[in-house]
N, C-alpha and C. Protein backbone atom coordinates (compact mmCIF):
# COMPACT_ATOMS: atom_id res chain seq x y z
N MET A 1 -0.25 17.19 -11.20
CA MET A 1 -0.61 16.89 -9.81
C MET A 1 0.51 17.36 -8.90
N PRO A 2 0.23 18.16 -7.84
CA PRO A 2 1.29 18.67 -7.00
C PRO A 2 1.98 17.57 -6.21
N LYS A 3 3.28 17.73 -6.00
CA LYS A 3 4.04 16.73 -5.28
C LYS A 3 3.82 16.87 -3.79
N THR A 4 3.56 15.76 -3.11
CA THR A 4 3.41 15.75 -1.67
C THR A 4 4.57 14.98 -1.09
N GLU A 5 5.41 15.62 -0.29
CA GLU A 5 6.65 15.00 0.16
C GLU A 5 6.43 13.71 0.92
N GLU A 6 5.33 13.62 1.68
CA GLU A 6 5.13 12.42 2.48
C GLU A 6 4.18 11.41 1.84
N SER A 7 3.94 11.51 0.54
CA SER A 7 2.97 10.61 -0.09
C SER A 7 3.64 9.33 -0.57
N VAL A 8 2.87 8.24 -0.51
CA VAL A 8 3.35 6.91 -0.89
C VAL A 8 2.38 6.31 -1.90
N PHE A 9 2.87 6.01 -3.10
CA PHE A 9 2.06 5.31 -4.10
C PHE A 9 1.93 3.86 -3.64
N LEU A 10 0.70 3.41 -3.43
CA LEU A 10 0.43 2.09 -2.88
C LEU A 10 -0.08 1.18 -4.00
N ASN A 11 0.77 0.30 -4.45
CA ASN A 11 0.48 -0.60 -5.57
C ASN A 11 0.18 -1.99 -5.00
N ILE A 12 -1.10 -2.26 -4.79
CA ILE A 12 -1.54 -3.50 -4.15
C ILE A 12 -2.71 -4.09 -4.93
N PRO A 13 -3.02 -5.38 -4.69
CA PRO A 13 -4.19 -5.96 -5.36
C PRO A 13 -5.49 -5.44 -4.79
N TYR A 14 -6.42 -5.12 -5.67
CA TYR A 14 -7.76 -4.69 -5.23
C TYR A 14 -8.65 -5.93 -5.23
N ASP A 15 -8.47 -6.70 -4.19
CA ASP A 15 -9.07 -8.03 -4.09
C ASP A 15 -9.69 -8.16 -2.70
N PRO A 16 -10.97 -8.55 -2.60
CA PRO A 16 -11.60 -8.68 -1.28
C PRO A 16 -10.80 -9.54 -0.30
N GLN A 17 -10.08 -10.54 -0.80
CA GLN A 17 -9.29 -11.38 0.09
C GLN A 17 -8.06 -10.66 0.62
N PHE A 18 -7.76 -9.50 0.06
CA PHE A 18 -6.61 -8.72 0.49
C PHE A 18 -7.01 -7.60 1.45
N THR A 19 -8.30 -7.55 1.83
CA THR A 19 -8.82 -6.42 2.60
C THR A 19 -8.06 -6.19 3.90
N ARG A 20 -7.76 -7.26 4.64
CA ARG A 20 -7.07 -7.09 5.92
C ARG A 20 -5.71 -6.40 5.73
N LEU A 21 -4.97 -6.83 4.70
CA LEU A 21 -3.66 -6.23 4.46
C LEU A 21 -3.78 -4.83 3.88
N TYR A 22 -4.82 -4.60 3.10
CA TYR A 22 -5.12 -3.26 2.58
C TYR A 22 -5.29 -2.28 3.74
N LEU A 23 -6.08 -2.65 4.73
CA LEU A 23 -6.27 -1.82 5.91
C LEU A 23 -4.98 -1.70 6.71
N ALA A 24 -4.18 -2.77 6.74
CA ALA A 24 -2.91 -2.73 7.46
C ALA A 24 -1.94 -1.74 6.83
N TYR A 25 -1.88 -1.71 5.49
CA TYR A 25 -1.01 -0.73 4.82
C TYR A 25 -1.45 0.70 5.11
N ILE A 26 -2.75 0.94 5.00
CA ILE A 26 -3.27 2.29 5.27
C ILE A 26 -2.93 2.69 6.71
N THR A 27 -3.14 1.77 7.65
CA THR A 27 -2.84 2.04 9.05
C THR A 27 -1.37 2.33 9.27
N ALA A 28 -0.51 1.45 8.75
CA ALA A 28 0.93 1.59 9.00
C ALA A 28 1.47 2.88 8.42
N LEU A 29 1.09 3.20 7.19
CA LEU A 29 1.58 4.44 6.57
C LEU A 29 1.07 5.66 7.31
N SER A 30 -0.19 5.63 7.72
CA SER A 30 -0.77 6.75 8.46
C SER A 30 -0.09 6.91 9.81
N ALA A 31 0.24 5.80 10.46
CA ALA A 31 0.93 5.86 11.75
C ALA A 31 2.30 6.52 11.63
N LEU A 32 2.90 6.40 10.45
CA LEU A 32 4.21 7.01 10.19
C LEU A 32 4.08 8.43 9.63
N SER A 33 2.87 8.98 9.65
CA SER A 33 2.58 10.32 9.11
C SER A 33 2.84 10.40 7.61
N LEU A 34 2.67 9.28 6.92
CA LEU A 34 2.76 9.25 5.46
C LEU A 34 1.35 9.20 4.89
N VAL A 35 1.21 9.67 3.64
CA VAL A 35 -0.12 9.74 3.02
C VAL A 35 -0.22 8.68 1.92
N PRO A 36 -1.05 7.64 2.11
CA PRO A 36 -1.22 6.63 1.06
C PRO A 36 -1.94 7.22 -0.15
N ARG A 37 -1.46 6.86 -1.34
CA ARG A 37 -2.11 7.25 -2.59
C ARG A 37 -2.28 5.97 -3.41
N ALA A 38 -3.35 5.90 -4.21
CA ALA A 38 -3.61 4.68 -5.00
C ALA A 38 -4.30 5.03 -6.30
N THR A 39 -4.34 4.06 -7.21
CA THR A 39 -4.96 4.28 -8.52
C THR A 39 -6.47 4.11 -8.47
N LEU A 40 -7.03 3.84 -7.30
CA LEU A 40 -8.47 3.69 -7.18
C LEU A 40 -9.16 4.94 -7.73
N GLY A 41 -10.14 4.71 -8.57
CA GLY A 41 -10.90 5.82 -9.12
C GLY A 41 -10.35 6.37 -10.42
N ILE A 42 -9.16 5.91 -10.82
CA ILE A 42 -8.61 6.37 -12.11
C ILE A 42 -9.28 5.56 -13.22
N THR A 43 -10.00 6.23 -14.11
CA THR A 43 -10.70 5.56 -15.20
C THR A 43 -10.50 6.35 -16.49
N GLY A 44 -11.04 5.81 -17.56
CA GLY A 44 -11.05 6.55 -18.83
C GLY A 44 -9.87 6.26 -19.73
N ASN A 45 -9.90 6.89 -20.91
CA ASN A 45 -8.89 6.64 -21.93
C ASN A 45 -7.50 7.13 -21.53
N ARG A 46 -7.44 8.09 -20.63
CA ARG A 46 -6.15 8.65 -20.21
C ARG A 46 -5.67 8.02 -18.92
N ARG A 47 -6.13 6.83 -18.60
CA ARG A 47 -5.79 6.17 -17.33
C ARG A 47 -4.28 6.06 -17.14
N LEU A 48 -3.56 5.64 -18.17
CA LEU A 48 -2.12 5.44 -18.03
C LEU A 48 -1.41 6.75 -17.71
N ASP A 49 -1.82 7.84 -18.38
CA ASP A 49 -1.22 9.14 -18.08
C ASP A 49 -1.50 9.56 -16.64
N ARG A 50 -2.69 9.26 -16.16
CA ARG A 50 -3.06 9.66 -14.80
C ARG A 50 -2.31 8.82 -13.77
N ILE A 51 -2.07 7.54 -14.08
CA ILE A 51 -1.26 6.70 -13.19
C ILE A 51 0.16 7.25 -13.13
N ALA A 52 0.71 7.60 -14.30
CA ALA A 52 2.07 8.16 -14.33
C ALA A 52 2.14 9.45 -13.52
N SER A 53 1.12 10.29 -13.64
CA SER A 53 1.08 11.54 -12.89
C SER A 53 1.02 11.28 -11.39
N LEU A 54 0.25 10.27 -11.00
CA LEU A 54 0.15 9.91 -9.59
C LEU A 54 1.50 9.43 -9.06
N ILE A 55 2.17 8.57 -9.81
CA ILE A 55 3.49 8.08 -9.41
C ILE A 55 4.46 9.25 -9.24
N GLU A 56 4.44 10.15 -10.21
CA GLU A 56 5.37 11.28 -10.18
C GLU A 56 5.10 12.22 -9.01
N SER A 57 3.87 12.21 -8.49
CA SER A 57 3.53 13.11 -7.38
C SER A 57 3.97 12.55 -6.03
N CYS A 58 4.42 11.30 -6.01
CA CYS A 58 4.78 10.64 -4.75
C CYS A 58 6.29 10.52 -4.60
N THR A 59 6.76 10.61 -3.37
CA THR A 59 8.18 10.47 -3.09
C THR A 59 8.56 9.01 -2.93
N TYR A 60 7.61 8.18 -2.50
CA TYR A 60 7.87 6.77 -2.25
C TYR A 60 6.81 5.92 -2.95
N SER A 61 7.12 4.63 -3.08
CA SER A 61 6.10 3.69 -3.54
C SER A 61 6.33 2.32 -2.94
N ILE A 62 5.21 1.64 -2.66
CA ILE A 62 5.21 0.27 -2.15
C ILE A 62 4.52 -0.60 -3.19
N HIS A 63 5.14 -1.72 -3.52
CA HIS A 63 4.61 -2.63 -4.53
C HIS A 63 4.49 -4.02 -3.90
N ASP A 64 3.26 -4.42 -3.60
CA ASP A 64 3.02 -5.73 -3.00
C ASP A 64 2.75 -6.74 -4.11
N LEU A 65 3.69 -7.63 -4.33
CA LEU A 65 3.57 -8.62 -5.41
C LEU A 65 3.14 -9.99 -4.88
N SER A 66 2.60 -10.03 -3.68
CA SER A 66 2.28 -11.31 -3.07
C SER A 66 1.10 -12.02 -3.71
N ARG A 67 0.27 -11.30 -4.49
CA ARG A 67 -0.89 -11.93 -5.10
C ARG A 67 -0.79 -12.02 -6.61
N VAL A 68 0.40 -11.84 -7.16
CA VAL A 68 0.56 -11.92 -8.61
C VAL A 68 0.35 -13.35 -9.09
N GLN A 69 0.82 -14.33 -8.28
CA GLN A 69 0.69 -15.73 -8.67
C GLN A 69 -0.77 -16.16 -8.64
N LEU A 70 -1.14 -17.01 -9.58
CA LEU A 70 -2.50 -17.52 -9.62
C LEU A 70 -2.70 -18.61 -8.59
N ASP A 71 -3.88 -18.67 -8.01
CA ASP A 71 -4.27 -19.72 -7.09
C ASP A 71 -4.89 -20.85 -7.91
N ARG A 72 -4.28 -22.01 -7.85
CA ARG A 72 -4.78 -23.14 -8.65
C ARG A 72 -6.20 -23.53 -8.28
N ASN A 73 -6.58 -23.28 -7.04
CA ASN A 73 -7.92 -23.66 -6.58
C ASN A 73 -8.98 -22.63 -6.95
N ARG A 74 -8.54 -21.42 -7.39
CA ARG A 74 -9.50 -20.38 -7.77
C ARG A 74 -9.09 -19.79 -9.11
N PRO A 75 -9.42 -20.50 -10.21
CA PRO A 75 -9.02 -19.99 -11.53
C PRO A 75 -9.58 -18.60 -11.78
N ARG A 76 -8.73 -17.69 -12.27
CA ARG A 76 -9.16 -16.34 -12.62
C ARG A 76 -8.19 -15.78 -13.64
N THR A 77 -8.59 -14.71 -14.26
CA THR A 77 -7.72 -14.06 -15.24
C THR A 77 -6.53 -13.45 -14.51
N PRO A 78 -5.30 -13.73 -14.98
CA PRO A 78 -4.14 -13.12 -14.30
C PRO A 78 -4.15 -11.61 -14.43
N ARG A 79 -3.68 -10.93 -13.39
CA ARG A 79 -3.63 -9.47 -13.36
C ARG A 79 -2.17 -9.04 -13.39
N PHE A 80 -1.82 -8.23 -14.37
CA PHE A 80 -0.44 -7.78 -14.52
C PHE A 80 -0.26 -6.32 -14.13
N ASN A 81 -1.31 -5.70 -13.59
CA ASN A 81 -1.21 -4.28 -13.24
C ASN A 81 -0.09 -3.99 -12.26
N MET A 82 0.06 -4.83 -11.23
CA MET A 82 1.04 -4.54 -10.19
C MET A 82 2.48 -4.59 -10.71
N PRO A 83 2.89 -5.67 -11.41
CA PRO A 83 4.26 -5.63 -11.95
C PRO A 83 4.44 -4.56 -13.02
N PHE A 84 3.37 -4.27 -13.79
CA PHE A 84 3.47 -3.22 -14.80
C PHE A 84 3.71 -1.86 -14.15
N GLU A 85 2.95 -1.57 -13.09
CA GLU A 85 3.11 -0.29 -12.40
C GLU A 85 4.46 -0.22 -11.70
N LEU A 86 4.96 -1.36 -11.20
CA LEU A 86 6.32 -1.38 -10.65
C LEU A 86 7.33 -1.02 -11.73
N GLY A 87 7.14 -1.56 -12.93
CA GLY A 87 8.04 -1.22 -14.04
C GLY A 87 8.02 0.27 -14.34
N MET A 88 6.83 0.87 -14.32
CA MET A 88 6.73 2.32 -14.54
C MET A 88 7.53 3.08 -13.49
N VAL A 89 7.43 2.63 -12.24
CA VAL A 89 8.13 3.30 -11.15
C VAL A 89 9.64 3.15 -11.28
N VAL A 90 10.08 1.94 -11.66
CA VAL A 90 11.53 1.72 -11.81
C VAL A 90 12.10 2.67 -12.86
N VAL A 91 11.40 2.79 -13.98
CA VAL A 91 11.86 3.71 -15.04
C VAL A 91 11.85 5.15 -14.54
N TRP A 92 10.77 5.55 -13.85
CA TRP A 92 10.67 6.91 -13.33
C TRP A 92 11.81 7.20 -12.34
N SER A 93 12.10 6.22 -11.47
CA SER A 93 13.12 6.46 -10.44
C SER A 93 14.53 6.52 -11.01
N GLN A 94 14.75 5.91 -12.19
CA GLN A 94 16.06 6.01 -12.82
C GLN A 94 16.38 7.47 -13.17
N ALA A 95 15.37 8.18 -13.63
CA ALA A 95 15.55 9.60 -13.98
C ALA A 95 15.33 10.52 -12.78
N ASN A 96 14.66 10.00 -11.75
CA ASN A 96 14.32 10.80 -10.56
C ASN A 96 14.69 10.00 -9.31
N PRO A 97 15.97 9.94 -8.98
CA PRO A 97 16.43 9.07 -7.89
C PRO A 97 15.89 9.42 -6.52
N ARG A 98 15.23 10.58 -6.37
CA ARG A 98 14.62 10.90 -5.08
C ARG A 98 13.43 9.98 -4.79
N HIS A 99 12.86 9.39 -5.84
CA HIS A 99 11.74 8.47 -5.62
C HIS A 99 12.30 7.13 -5.15
N LYS A 100 11.90 6.71 -3.96
CA LYS A 100 12.35 5.44 -3.40
C LYS A 100 11.21 4.43 -3.47
N TRP A 101 11.51 3.22 -3.98
CA TRP A 101 10.48 2.20 -4.10
C TRP A 101 10.87 0.94 -3.35
N PHE A 102 9.84 0.23 -2.88
CA PHE A 102 10.03 -0.95 -2.06
C PHE A 102 9.09 -2.06 -2.56
N VAL A 103 9.61 -3.27 -2.59
CA VAL A 103 8.81 -4.43 -3.00
C VAL A 103 8.48 -5.24 -1.75
N PHE A 104 7.21 -5.61 -1.63
CA PHE A 104 6.76 -6.44 -0.51
C PHE A 104 6.27 -7.78 -1.06
N GLU A 105 6.53 -8.83 -0.31
CA GLU A 105 6.15 -10.18 -0.69
C GLU A 105 5.72 -10.95 0.55
N THR A 106 5.12 -12.12 0.31
CA THR A 106 4.72 -12.99 1.40
C THR A 106 5.76 -14.07 1.66
N VAL A 107 6.36 -14.58 0.58
CA VAL A 107 7.25 -15.75 0.66
C VAL A 107 8.67 -15.36 0.28
N ARG A 108 9.63 -15.80 1.06
CA ARG A 108 11.03 -15.51 0.77
C ARG A 108 11.47 -16.20 -0.52
N ARG A 109 12.30 -15.52 -1.27
CA ARG A 109 12.95 -16.02 -2.49
C ARG A 109 11.99 -16.25 -3.65
N ARG A 110 10.68 -16.01 -3.47
CA ARG A 110 9.75 -16.20 -4.58
C ARG A 110 9.95 -15.12 -5.65
N LEU A 111 10.32 -13.92 -5.23
CA LEU A 111 10.52 -12.82 -6.19
C LEU A 111 11.59 -13.16 -7.21
N ASN A 112 12.64 -13.88 -6.78
CA ASN A 112 13.71 -14.26 -7.71
C ASN A 112 13.19 -15.14 -8.84
N LYS A 113 12.13 -15.91 -8.56
CA LYS A 113 11.57 -16.80 -9.57
C LYS A 113 10.52 -16.09 -10.42
N SER A 114 9.70 -15.25 -9.78
CA SER A 114 8.59 -14.63 -10.51
C SER A 114 9.00 -13.39 -11.28
N LEU A 115 10.08 -12.71 -10.84
CA LEU A 115 10.52 -11.48 -11.48
C LEU A 115 12.04 -11.38 -11.35
N SER A 116 12.73 -12.22 -12.10
CA SER A 116 14.18 -12.34 -11.94
C SER A 116 14.94 -11.07 -12.32
N ASP A 117 14.31 -10.17 -13.09
CA ASP A 117 14.97 -8.90 -13.41
C ASP A 117 15.25 -8.07 -12.17
N LEU A 118 14.57 -8.40 -11.07
CA LEU A 118 14.79 -7.65 -9.83
C LEU A 118 15.82 -8.32 -8.92
N ASP A 119 16.62 -9.24 -9.49
CA ASP A 119 17.70 -9.83 -8.70
C ASP A 119 18.54 -8.73 -8.08
N GLY A 120 18.85 -8.88 -6.81
CA GLY A 120 19.59 -7.83 -6.10
C GLY A 120 18.69 -6.92 -5.31
N THR A 121 17.38 -7.02 -5.54
CA THR A 121 16.41 -6.25 -4.76
C THR A 121 15.88 -7.15 -3.65
N ASP A 122 16.05 -6.73 -2.43
CA ASP A 122 15.57 -7.52 -1.29
C ASP A 122 14.15 -7.10 -0.94
N PRO A 123 13.17 -7.97 -1.18
CA PRO A 123 11.80 -7.60 -0.83
C PRO A 123 11.58 -7.65 0.68
N PHE A 124 10.59 -6.92 1.11
CA PHE A 124 10.19 -6.95 2.51
C PHE A 124 9.14 -8.04 2.66
N ILE A 125 9.43 -9.04 3.49
CA ILE A 125 8.57 -10.22 3.61
C ILE A 125 7.60 -10.03 4.78
N HIS A 126 6.31 -9.88 4.46
CA HIS A 126 5.33 -9.62 5.52
C HIS A 126 4.57 -10.86 5.97
N ASP A 127 4.85 -12.02 5.38
CA ASP A 127 4.26 -13.30 5.80
C ASP A 127 2.75 -13.36 5.63
N GLY A 128 2.17 -12.38 4.92
CA GLY A 128 0.73 -12.40 4.72
C GLY A 128 -0.07 -12.06 5.97
N THR A 129 0.56 -11.38 6.94
CA THR A 129 -0.12 -11.05 8.19
C THR A 129 -0.19 -9.53 8.38
N ILE A 130 -1.15 -9.11 9.19
CA ILE A 130 -1.31 -7.69 9.50
C ILE A 130 -0.08 -7.17 10.22
N ARG A 131 0.35 -7.90 11.25
CA ARG A 131 1.55 -7.49 11.99
C ARG A 131 2.78 -7.49 11.09
N GLY A 132 2.83 -8.44 10.17
CA GLY A 132 3.96 -8.50 9.25
C GLY A 132 4.03 -7.27 8.36
N VAL A 133 2.88 -6.81 7.85
CA VAL A 133 2.84 -5.59 7.05
C VAL A 133 3.35 -4.42 7.88
N MET A 134 2.86 -4.30 9.09
CA MET A 134 3.27 -3.18 9.94
C MET A 134 4.77 -3.22 10.24
N ARG A 135 5.26 -4.40 10.56
CA ARG A 135 6.69 -4.57 10.84
C ARG A 135 7.54 -4.16 9.64
N GLU A 136 7.15 -4.63 8.45
CA GLU A 136 7.97 -4.38 7.27
C GLU A 136 7.83 -2.96 6.75
N VAL A 137 6.67 -2.33 6.92
CA VAL A 137 6.55 -0.91 6.56
C VAL A 137 7.49 -0.09 7.44
N CYS A 138 7.56 -0.43 8.73
CA CYS A 138 8.50 0.27 9.63
C CYS A 138 9.94 0.01 9.21
N ASN A 139 10.25 -1.20 8.75
CA ASN A 139 11.61 -1.50 8.28
C ASN A 139 11.96 -0.71 7.02
N ALA A 140 10.98 -0.52 6.16
CA ALA A 140 11.22 0.22 4.91
C ALA A 140 11.44 1.70 5.20
N PHE A 141 10.68 2.25 6.14
CA PHE A 141 10.72 3.68 6.42
C PHE A 141 11.38 3.96 7.77
N VAL A 142 12.60 3.43 7.94
CA VAL A 142 13.33 3.65 9.18
C VAL A 142 13.68 5.13 9.30
N SER A 143 13.48 5.66 10.48
CA SER A 143 13.74 7.08 10.72
C SER A 143 14.42 7.25 12.07
N PRO A 144 15.32 8.24 12.19
CA PRO A 144 15.93 8.49 13.50
C PRO A 144 14.91 9.03 14.50
N ALA A 145 13.81 9.58 14.00
CA ALA A 145 12.76 10.07 14.90
C ALA A 145 12.03 8.88 15.51
N ARG A 146 11.31 9.14 16.58
CA ARG A 146 10.56 8.07 17.24
C ARG A 146 9.52 7.50 16.29
N GLN A 147 9.53 6.18 16.15
CA GLN A 147 8.57 5.53 15.26
C GLN A 147 7.46 4.89 16.08
N PRO A 148 6.28 4.77 15.50
CA PRO A 148 5.20 4.08 16.23
C PRO A 148 5.56 2.62 16.44
N ARG A 149 5.07 2.08 17.53
CA ARG A 149 5.29 0.66 17.83
C ARG A 149 4.16 -0.16 17.21
N VAL A 150 4.45 -1.43 16.92
CA VAL A 150 3.45 -2.30 16.31
C VAL A 150 2.19 -2.41 17.18
N PRO A 151 2.29 -2.53 18.52
CA PRO A 151 1.04 -2.58 19.31
C PRO A 151 0.19 -1.32 19.14
N GLU A 152 0.83 -0.15 18.98
CA GLU A 152 0.08 1.07 18.74
C GLU A 152 -0.63 1.00 17.38
N MET A 153 0.09 0.49 16.39
CA MET A 153 -0.50 0.35 15.06
C MET A 153 -1.66 -0.65 15.08
N MET A 154 -1.51 -1.71 15.86
CA MET A 154 -2.58 -2.71 15.94
C MET A 154 -3.84 -2.11 16.57
N ARG A 155 -3.68 -1.22 17.55
CA ARG A 155 -4.87 -0.56 18.12
C ARG A 155 -5.52 0.33 17.07
N MET A 156 -4.70 1.05 16.30
CA MET A 156 -5.24 1.85 15.20
C MET A 156 -5.98 0.98 14.21
N TYR A 157 -5.37 -0.15 13.85
CA TYR A 157 -5.95 -1.06 12.86
C TYR A 157 -7.31 -1.57 13.33
N ARG A 158 -7.37 -2.01 14.60
CA ARG A 158 -8.63 -2.57 15.09
C ARG A 158 -9.75 -1.55 15.06
N GLU A 159 -9.43 -0.30 15.40
CA GLU A 159 -10.49 0.73 15.35
C GLU A 159 -10.88 1.05 13.91
N LEU A 160 -9.88 1.10 13.02
CA LEU A 160 -10.19 1.34 11.60
C LEU A 160 -11.06 0.22 11.05
N ARG A 161 -10.75 -1.00 11.42
CA ARG A 161 -11.54 -2.16 10.97
C ARG A 161 -12.98 -2.08 11.49
N ARG A 162 -13.12 -1.68 12.76
CA ARG A 162 -14.48 -1.55 13.32
C ARG A 162 -15.26 -0.43 12.64
N THR A 163 -14.54 0.61 12.21
CA THR A 163 -15.19 1.76 11.58
C THR A 163 -15.53 1.51 10.11
N SER A 164 -14.88 0.55 9.48
CA SER A 164 -15.01 0.38 8.04
C SER A 164 -16.45 0.08 7.56
N PRO A 165 -17.27 -0.68 8.29
CA PRO A 165 -18.66 -0.86 7.81
C PRO A 165 -19.42 0.46 7.72
N ARG A 166 -19.20 1.36 8.68
CA ARG A 166 -19.86 2.66 8.63
C ARG A 166 -19.35 3.48 7.45
N ILE A 167 -18.05 3.40 7.18
CA ILE A 167 -17.47 4.12 6.04
C ILE A 167 -18.09 3.61 4.74
N LEU A 168 -18.23 2.30 4.62
CA LEU A 168 -18.87 1.72 3.44
C LEU A 168 -20.31 2.21 3.31
N ARG A 169 -21.03 2.16 4.41
CA ARG A 169 -22.45 2.57 4.40
C ARG A 169 -22.58 4.04 4.04
N ASP A 170 -21.76 4.90 4.65
CA ASP A 170 -21.85 6.33 4.38
C ASP A 170 -21.51 6.66 2.94
N ALA A 171 -20.62 5.85 2.33
CA ALA A 171 -20.22 6.09 0.94
C ALA A 171 -21.21 5.45 -0.04
N GLY A 172 -22.16 4.66 0.48
CA GLY A 172 -23.08 3.95 -0.40
C GLY A 172 -22.37 2.94 -1.27
N ALA A 173 -21.28 2.37 -0.73
CA ALA A 173 -20.43 1.47 -1.53
C ALA A 173 -20.59 0.03 -1.06
N HIS A 174 -20.28 -0.89 -1.96
CA HIS A 174 -20.29 -2.31 -1.63
C HIS A 174 -18.88 -2.89 -1.57
N SER A 175 -17.90 -2.10 -1.94
CA SER A 175 -16.52 -2.56 -1.97
C SER A 175 -15.62 -1.59 -1.22
N MET A 176 -14.63 -2.13 -0.55
CA MET A 176 -13.63 -1.29 0.13
C MET A 176 -12.70 -0.63 -0.88
N PHE A 177 -12.70 -1.15 -2.10
CA PHE A 177 -11.73 -0.69 -3.10
C PHE A 177 -12.37 0.31 -4.07
N THR A 178 -12.88 1.40 -3.50
CA THR A 178 -13.40 2.49 -4.32
C THR A 178 -12.68 3.77 -3.88
N ALA A 179 -12.70 4.76 -4.75
CA ALA A 179 -11.98 6.00 -4.47
C ALA A 179 -12.47 6.67 -3.20
N ARG A 180 -13.80 6.77 -3.03
CA ARG A 180 -14.36 7.45 -1.87
C ARG A 180 -14.02 6.70 -0.58
N VAL A 181 -14.18 5.38 -0.59
CA VAL A 181 -13.91 4.59 0.62
C VAL A 181 -12.43 4.67 0.97
N PHE A 182 -11.55 4.55 -0.03
CA PHE A 182 -10.11 4.66 0.22
C PHE A 182 -9.79 6.01 0.86
N SER A 183 -10.33 7.07 0.31
CA SER A 183 -10.08 8.40 0.85
C SER A 183 -10.56 8.52 2.29
N ASP A 184 -11.77 8.01 2.57
CA ASP A 184 -12.32 8.10 3.92
C ASP A 184 -11.51 7.25 4.90
N LEU A 185 -11.07 6.07 4.48
CA LEU A 185 -10.23 5.23 5.34
C LEU A 185 -8.94 5.95 5.71
N CYS A 186 -8.34 6.64 4.73
CA CYS A 186 -7.09 7.36 4.98
C CYS A 186 -7.30 8.51 5.95
N VAL A 187 -8.43 9.22 5.81
CA VAL A 187 -8.73 10.33 6.71
C VAL A 187 -8.91 9.81 8.14
N VAL A 188 -9.68 8.73 8.28
CA VAL A 188 -9.91 8.16 9.62
C VAL A 188 -8.60 7.66 10.22
N ALA A 189 -7.79 6.95 9.42
CA ALA A 189 -6.52 6.42 9.93
C ALA A 189 -5.59 7.54 10.38
N ALA A 190 -5.54 8.63 9.62
CA ALA A 190 -4.70 9.77 10.00
C ALA A 190 -5.16 10.35 11.34
N GLY A 191 -6.47 10.39 11.56
CA GLY A 191 -6.98 10.87 12.83
C GLY A 191 -6.66 9.94 13.99
N LEU A 192 -6.64 8.64 13.71
CA LEU A 192 -6.33 7.66 14.77
C LEU A 192 -4.88 7.74 15.22
N ARG A 193 -4.02 8.25 14.35
CA ARG A 193 -2.61 8.37 14.74
C ARG A 193 -2.47 9.22 15.99
N GLY A 194 -3.15 10.34 16.03
CA GLY A 194 -3.06 11.22 17.21
C GLY A 194 -3.63 10.57 18.46
N LYS A 195 -4.55 9.63 18.28
CA LYS A 195 -5.18 8.97 19.43
C LYS A 195 -4.31 7.87 20.01
N TYR A 196 -3.61 7.13 19.14
CA TYR A 196 -2.91 5.93 19.59
C TYR A 196 -1.38 6.00 19.58
N VAL A 197 -0.80 6.73 18.66
CA VAL A 197 0.66 6.75 18.56
C VAL A 197 1.21 7.64 19.67
N GLY A 198 2.02 7.05 20.53
CA GLY A 198 2.55 7.78 21.67
C GLY A 198 1.67 7.72 22.90
N ALA A 199 0.46 7.14 22.71
CA ALA A 199 -0.45 7.00 23.87
C ALA A 199 0.02 5.88 24.77
N LYS A 200 -0.23 6.02 26.05
CA LYS A 200 0.19 4.99 27.01
C LYS A 200 -0.97 4.08 27.31
C-alpha cells in the first residue's frame, strides 16, 4: 500500500454509541488537511497482514481507548482490537520512528490503570465530547501554520452530521461503520474544509 504523508490510522471503537465522536475525528482530521484511514472493510484470512499494511502506510495514528472498559449496565463481549492495534503500532514505530502515535482517552489517569505499560505516555483527554475531540486533535497536531479554529470545525461537523443520513441512504447501508460510508464521509468532510476553514 503506498505511503500517504498526511494519512492518519484511526483506531477507534466501531460502536453506534461512538458515532458522534467518530464524526468528530473525521471532521477534525479533515480540517487539518489530514486523511483518516481505518480498518473498516478489512476482512478475510489475511486481515492481520492488511491491518499491518494499513498502519505502515500512515505517518500518524490515533488510538482512542475510551471505550475499552466494559459498561456494567450493558454486558457485552470485551473488545481487545484497539489495544492490540496500538501494540502493533508501538512495535512498528520502534523500527520506524517517523510514525507518530497518540493515545486519546475520556478520563484522566485511567490509562495508567488500564494499560500501565504506557506509563510516561500522556493521553489526550477529550472528555467524551465533540469539542473535546477537536481540541485534542489540534493539540496533537500542532503546526506553525494557521490551524482551523474549533468553531470552524463545529460548523463542518454540523454539516457532516446533517449529510450523514443521505450518505447512508446512497450507500444502501444501515451502519455508519462500513467501508463505503467511511470513505464517503471523509470525501464530504474534506470538501467542507474549503467551505468553512478560514471562512468569516
